[in-house]
């Protein structure tokens, strides 16, 4: 299996969940969205779907 490079942005995850939840009749707060995004990111790491790399700025 070949390795590909994927960039995961928790802000993008939060925005995705916001739109999906609103379509389903929920109105999450910004704090709730940040938590959902963080949990999703941690889940992807735990399942070895992604590896976390810290970016040098």
Protein backbone atom coordinates (compact mmCIF):
# COMPACT_ATOMS: atom_id res chain seq x y z
CA UNK A 1 0.00 0.00 0.00
CA UNK A 2 1.37 3.41 -0.87
CA UNK A 3 1.45 6.32 1.52
CA UNK A 4 -0.20 9.62 0.68
CA UNK A 5 0.07 12.95 2.46
CA UNK A 6 -3.18 14.34 3.84
CA UNK A 7 -3.66 17.61 5.70
CA UNK A 8 -6.43 17.69 8.30
CA UNK A 9 -7.61 21.10 9.49
CA UNK A 10 -9.74 21.07 12.65
CA UNK A 11 -11.32 24.39 11.63
CA UNK A 12 -12.44 22.75 8.40
CA UNK A 13 -13.81 19.78 10.37
CA UNK A 14 -15.73 22.18 12.65
CA UNK A 15 -17.20 24.01 9.66
CA UNK A 16 -18.24 20.71 8.05
CA UNK A 17 -19.97 19.54 11.23
CA UNK A 18 -21.67 22.93 11.64
CA UNK A 19 -23.26 22.73 8.19
CA UNK A 20 -24.23 19.08 8.60
CA UNK A 21 -25.75 19.62 12.06
CA UNK A 22 -27.70 22.70 10.92
CA UNK A 23 -29.11 20.69 7.99
CA UNK A 24 -30.34 18.17 10.57
CA UNK A 25 -31.97 20.83 12.76
CA UNK A 26 -29.24 21.32 15.38
CA UNK A 27 -27.57 24.63 16.21
CA UNK A 28 -24.24 23.87 17.87
CA UNK A 29 -22.20 26.53 19.65
CA UNK A 30 -18.67 27.41 18.58
CA UNK A 31 -17.28 25.66 21.66
CA UNK A 32 -19.26 22.49 20.87
CA UNK A 33 -17.98 22.53 17.29
CA UNK A 34 -14.37 22.92 18.44
CA UNK A 35 -14.81 19.94 20.77
CA UNK A 36 -16.36 17.82 18.02
CA UNK A 37 -13.51 18.71 15.65
CA UNK A 38 -10.89 17.84 18.29
CA UNK A 39 -12.62 14.54 19.09
CA UNK A 40 -12.79 13.68 15.38
CA UNK A 41 -9.08 14.46 14.94
CA UNK A 42 -8.17 12.34 17.98
CA UNK A 43 -10.33 9.50 16.64
CA UNK A 44 -8.49 9.54 13.31
CA UNK A 45 -5.16 9.38 15.15
CA UNK A 46 -6.33 6.59 17.48
CA UNK A 47 -7.52 4.48 14.54
CA UNK A 48 -4.16 5.06 12.78
CA UNK A 49 -5.92 6.71 9.87
CA UNK A 50 -3.64 9.72 10.23
CA UNK A 51 -0.39 10.54 12.04
CA UNK A 52 -0.05 13.84 13.82
CA UNK A 53 2.81 16.04 12.67
CA UNK A 54 3.54 19.40 14.22
CA UNK A 55 4.13 22.05 11.59
CA UNK A 56 7.08 24.42 11.99
CA UNK A 57 5.97 28.03 11.59
